[in-house]
N, C-alpha and C. Protein backbone atom coordinates (compact mmCIF):
# COMPACT_ATOMS: atom_id res chain seq x y z
N UNK A 1 0.85 -1.15 0.00
CA UNK A 1 0.00 0.00 0.00
C UNK A 1 0.90 1.22 0.00
N UNK A 2 0.64 2.14 -0.84
CA UNK A 2 1.41 3.37 -0.86
C UNK A 2 1.74 3.75 -2.28
N UNK A 3 1.60 5.01 -2.56
CA UNK A 3 1.85 5.48 -3.90
C UNK A 3 2.43 6.88 -3.80
N UNK A 4 3.64 7.04 -4.29
CA UNK A 4 4.28 8.35 -4.23
C UNK A 4 3.78 9.22 -5.36
N UNK A 5 3.45 10.44 -5.03
CA UNK A 5 3.08 11.45 -6.02
C UNK A 5 4.26 12.40 -6.09
N UNK A 6 4.96 12.41 -7.19
CA UNK A 6 6.21 13.15 -7.30
C UNK A 6 5.99 14.56 -7.83
N UNK A 7 5.48 15.42 -6.95
CA UNK A 7 5.24 16.81 -7.30
C UNK A 7 5.66 17.69 -6.13
N UNK A 8 5.99 18.94 -6.43
CA UNK A 8 6.34 19.89 -5.38
C UNK A 8 5.09 20.64 -4.94
N UNK A 9 5.23 21.41 -3.87
CA UNK A 9 4.08 22.13 -3.31
C UNK A 9 3.37 22.99 -4.34
N UNK A 10 4.13 23.66 -5.18
CA UNK A 10 3.53 24.56 -6.17
C UNK A 10 2.71 23.84 -7.23
N UNK A 11 2.92 22.55 -7.38
CA UNK A 11 2.18 21.81 -8.41
C UNK A 11 1.19 20.80 -7.83
N UNK A 12 1.18 20.63 -6.51
CA UNK A 12 0.24 19.70 -5.88
C UNK A 12 -1.16 20.32 -5.81
N UNK A 13 -2.14 19.56 -6.23
CA UNK A 13 -3.53 20.02 -6.14
C UNK A 13 -4.19 19.36 -4.92
N UNK A 14 -5.38 19.80 -4.59
CA UNK A 14 -6.13 19.16 -3.51
C UNK A 14 -6.35 17.68 -3.82
N UNK A 15 -6.55 17.36 -5.08
CA UNK A 15 -6.76 15.96 -5.47
C UNK A 15 -5.51 15.13 -5.20
N UNK A 16 -4.32 15.69 -5.45
CA UNK A 16 -3.08 14.98 -5.14
C UNK A 16 -2.96 14.71 -3.64
N UNK A 17 -3.24 15.73 -2.84
CA UNK A 17 -3.19 15.57 -1.38
C UNK A 17 -4.19 14.52 -0.93
N UNK A 18 -5.42 14.60 -1.46
CA UNK A 18 -6.45 13.62 -1.09
C UNK A 18 -6.01 12.20 -1.42
N UNK A 19 -5.43 12.02 -2.60
CA UNK A 19 -4.99 10.69 -3.02
C UNK A 19 -3.85 10.18 -2.12
N UNK A 20 -2.89 11.04 -1.83
CA UNK A 20 -1.77 10.63 -0.98
C UNK A 20 -2.25 10.22 0.40
N UNK A 21 -3.15 11.00 0.98
CA UNK A 21 -3.67 10.68 2.31
C UNK A 21 -4.57 9.44 2.27
N UNK A 22 -5.37 9.32 1.24
CA UNK A 22 -6.28 8.18 1.11
C UNK A 22 -5.49 6.87 1.03
N UNK A 23 -4.50 6.83 0.17
CA UNK A 23 -3.74 5.60 -0.07
C UNK A 23 -2.78 5.29 1.07
N UNK A 24 -2.09 6.29 1.58
CA UNK A 24 -0.99 6.07 2.51
C UNK A 24 -1.35 6.20 3.98
N UNK A 25 -2.52 6.72 4.30
CA UNK A 25 -2.95 6.85 5.69
C UNK A 25 -4.34 6.27 5.90
N UNK A 26 -5.32 6.80 5.21
CA UNK A 26 -6.71 6.46 5.51
C UNK A 26 -7.07 5.01 5.20
N UNK A 27 -6.41 4.40 4.23
CA UNK A 27 -6.66 2.98 3.97
C UNK A 27 -6.27 2.14 5.18
N UNK A 28 -5.15 2.46 5.81
CA UNK A 28 -4.72 1.75 7.02
C UNK A 28 -5.68 2.00 8.17
N UNK A 29 -6.13 3.24 8.32
CA UNK A 29 -7.07 3.58 9.39
C UNK A 29 -8.36 2.77 9.22
N UNK A 30 -8.87 2.71 8.02
CA UNK A 30 -10.11 1.97 7.78
C UNK A 30 -9.94 0.46 8.02
N UNK A 31 -8.83 -0.08 7.56
CA UNK A 31 -8.58 -1.50 7.77
C UNK A 31 -8.44 -1.81 9.26
N UNK A 32 -7.70 -0.97 9.97
CA UNK A 32 -7.55 -1.15 11.42
C UNK A 32 -8.91 -1.07 12.11
N UNK A 33 -9.72 -0.12 11.71
CA UNK A 33 -11.05 0.05 12.33
C UNK A 33 -11.91 -1.18 12.13
N UNK A 34 -11.74 -1.85 11.00
CA UNK A 34 -12.52 -3.06 10.74
C UNK A 34 -11.98 -4.26 11.50
N UNK A 35 -10.66 -4.37 11.62
CA UNK A 35 -10.05 -5.56 12.22
C UNK A 35 -9.81 -5.47 13.72
N UNK A 36 -9.58 -4.28 14.22
CA UNK A 36 -9.20 -4.13 15.63
C UNK A 36 -10.26 -4.66 16.60
N UNK A 37 -11.55 -4.42 16.39
CA UNK A 37 -12.53 -4.97 17.33
C UNK A 37 -12.45 -6.50 17.42
N UNK A 38 -12.22 -7.16 16.31
CA UNK A 38 -12.08 -8.62 16.31
C UNK A 38 -10.84 -9.03 17.07
N UNK A 39 -9.73 -8.35 16.82
CA UNK A 39 -8.48 -8.66 17.50
C UNK A 39 -8.60 -8.45 19.00
N UNK A 40 -9.24 -7.38 19.41
CA UNK A 40 -9.41 -7.11 20.84
C UNK A 40 -10.31 -8.16 21.49
N UNK A 41 -11.36 -8.55 20.78
CA UNK A 41 -12.25 -9.58 21.30
C UNK A 41 -11.51 -10.91 21.48
N UNK A 42 -10.67 -11.26 20.51
CA UNK A 42 -9.90 -12.50 20.57
C UNK A 42 -8.68 -12.39 21.49
N UNK A 43 -8.37 -11.16 21.86
CA UNK A 43 -7.18 -10.88 22.67
C UNK A 43 -5.90 -11.39 22.01
N UNK A 44 -5.87 -11.25 20.69
CA UNK A 44 -4.66 -11.58 19.94
C UNK A 44 -4.71 -10.89 18.58
N UNK A 45 -3.54 -10.71 18.03
CA UNK A 45 -3.42 -10.10 16.72
C UNK A 45 -2.30 -9.08 16.70
N UNK A 46 -1.86 -8.77 15.52
CA UNK A 46 -0.77 -7.82 15.33
C UNK A 46 -1.13 -6.92 14.16
N UNK A 47 -0.87 -5.64 14.32
CA UNK A 47 -1.03 -4.69 13.23
C UNK A 47 0.35 -4.18 12.87
N UNK A 48 0.69 -4.27 11.60
CA UNK A 48 1.98 -3.77 11.12
C UNK A 48 1.70 -2.78 10.00
N UNK A 49 2.18 -1.58 10.15
CA UNK A 49 2.09 -0.57 9.11
C UNK A 49 3.47 -0.41 8.48
N UNK A 50 3.51 -0.34 7.17
CA UNK A 50 4.77 -0.16 6.45
C UNK A 50 4.90 1.31 6.08
N UNK A 51 6.01 1.90 6.47
CA UNK A 51 6.24 3.31 6.17
C UNK A 51 7.52 3.45 5.34
N UNK A 52 8.19 4.56 5.47
CA UNK A 52 9.37 4.84 4.67
C UNK A 52 10.24 5.86 5.38
N UNK A 53 11.51 5.86 5.07
CA UNK A 53 12.39 6.88 5.64
C UNK A 53 12.03 8.27 5.10
N UNK A 54 11.30 8.31 4.01
CA UNK A 54 10.85 9.61 3.48
C UNK A 54 9.96 10.35 4.47
N UNK A 55 9.36 9.62 5.40
CA UNK A 55 8.52 10.28 6.41
C UNK A 55 9.35 11.12 7.36
N UNK A 56 10.62 10.81 7.48
CA UNK A 56 11.52 11.57 8.35
C UNK A 56 12.48 12.44 7.57
N UNK A 57 12.77 12.04 6.35
CA UNK A 57 13.73 12.76 5.51
C UNK A 57 13.14 12.94 4.11
N UNK A 58 12.12 13.78 3.99
CA UNK A 58 11.44 13.90 2.70
C UNK A 58 12.32 14.58 1.65
N UNK A 59 12.10 14.18 0.43
CA UNK A 59 12.68 14.88 -0.70
C UNK A 59 11.63 15.92 -1.08
N UNK A 60 11.72 17.07 -0.45
CA UNK A 60 10.62 18.04 -0.47
C UNK A 60 10.18 18.43 -1.86
N UNK A 61 11.09 18.48 -2.81
CA UNK A 61 10.69 18.95 -4.13
C UNK A 61 9.99 17.87 -4.96
N UNK A 62 9.95 16.63 -4.45
CA UNK A 62 9.32 15.61 -5.28
C UNK A 62 8.37 14.66 -4.54
N UNK A 63 8.45 14.59 -3.23
CA UNK A 63 7.58 13.62 -2.54
C UNK A 63 6.85 14.24 -1.34
N UNK A 64 6.53 15.50 -1.42
CA UNK A 64 5.94 16.19 -0.27
C UNK A 64 4.65 15.52 0.22
N UNK A 65 3.70 15.27 -0.65
CA UNK A 65 2.42 14.69 -0.22
C UNK A 65 2.61 13.27 0.31
N UNK A 66 3.40 12.48 -0.38
CA UNK A 66 3.68 11.10 0.04
C UNK A 66 4.37 11.08 1.40
N UNK A 67 5.41 11.87 1.55
CA UNK A 67 6.16 11.90 2.81
C UNK A 67 5.30 12.38 3.96
N UNK A 68 4.47 13.37 3.71
CA UNK A 68 3.57 13.88 4.73
C UNK A 68 2.57 12.81 5.17
N UNK A 69 2.00 12.11 4.20
CA UNK A 69 1.04 11.05 4.53
C UNK A 69 1.70 9.92 5.31
N UNK A 70 2.92 9.56 4.95
CA UNK A 70 3.63 8.50 5.68
C UNK A 70 4.01 8.96 7.08
N UNK A 71 4.36 10.23 7.25
CA UNK A 71 4.64 10.76 8.59
C UNK A 71 3.37 10.70 9.44
N UNK A 72 2.24 11.00 8.83
CA UNK A 72 0.96 10.89 9.55
C UNK A 72 0.69 9.43 9.92
N UNK A 73 1.02 8.50 9.04
CA UNK A 73 0.85 7.08 9.35
C UNK A 73 1.71 6.68 10.54
N UNK A 74 2.94 7.17 10.59
CA UNK A 74 3.82 6.87 11.73
C UNK A 74 3.21 7.35 13.04
N UNK A 75 2.72 8.59 13.04
CA UNK A 75 2.13 9.16 14.25
C UNK A 75 0.86 8.41 14.63
N UNK A 76 0.03 8.12 13.65
CA UNK A 76 -1.18 7.34 13.90
C UNK A 76 -0.84 5.98 14.50
N UNK A 77 0.17 5.32 13.96
CA UNK A 77 0.57 3.99 14.46
C UNK A 77 0.98 4.04 15.92
N UNK A 78 1.75 5.05 16.28
CA UNK A 78 2.18 5.20 17.67
C UNK A 78 0.98 5.48 18.58
N UNK A 79 0.10 6.35 18.14
CA UNK A 79 -1.09 6.68 18.94
C UNK A 79 -1.99 5.46 19.09
N UNK A 80 -2.16 4.69 18.04
CA UNK A 80 -2.99 3.49 18.11
C UNK A 80 -2.38 2.48 19.08
N UNK A 81 -1.08 2.30 19.03
CA UNK A 81 -0.42 1.36 19.94
C UNK A 81 -0.64 1.76 21.39
N UNK A 82 -0.54 3.05 21.67
CA UNK A 82 -0.75 3.54 23.04
C UNK A 82 -2.21 3.33 23.45
N UNK A 83 -3.13 3.68 22.56
CA UNK A 83 -4.55 3.53 22.88
C UNK A 83 -4.92 2.08 23.16
N UNK A 84 -4.46 1.18 22.34
CA UNK A 84 -4.81 -0.23 22.49
C UNK A 84 -4.15 -0.82 23.74
N UNK A 85 -2.99 -0.31 24.11
CA UNK A 85 -2.27 -0.83 25.27
C UNK A 85 -2.84 -0.34 26.60
N UNK A 86 -3.61 0.74 26.56
CA UNK A 86 -4.16 1.29 27.80
C UNK A 86 -5.15 0.31 28.42
N UNK A 87 -5.12 0.18 29.75
CA UNK A 87 -6.10 -0.71 30.39
C UNK A 87 -7.51 -0.18 30.20
N UNK A 88 -8.41 -1.09 30.02
CA UNK A 88 -9.82 -0.71 29.81
C UNK A 88 -10.61 -0.89 31.08
């Protein structure tokens, strides 16, 4: 999962941003939302998100939307891990 859109800020449209976020972040969020209740009920399961070093070291002139979406995926993954680990 993941698709780099190789454009700079001046050439990125709202549609490019939407696509980058949809493919690289929101698809994982939706899949997790569907699977996590089952995993919690079974008290087992693992979620692995695949990211990229571009999330920390973006090539700003060519992968801004992709790198931003992957950075958001990293933050989401950490937040999800903390939320799921909290005692209920």
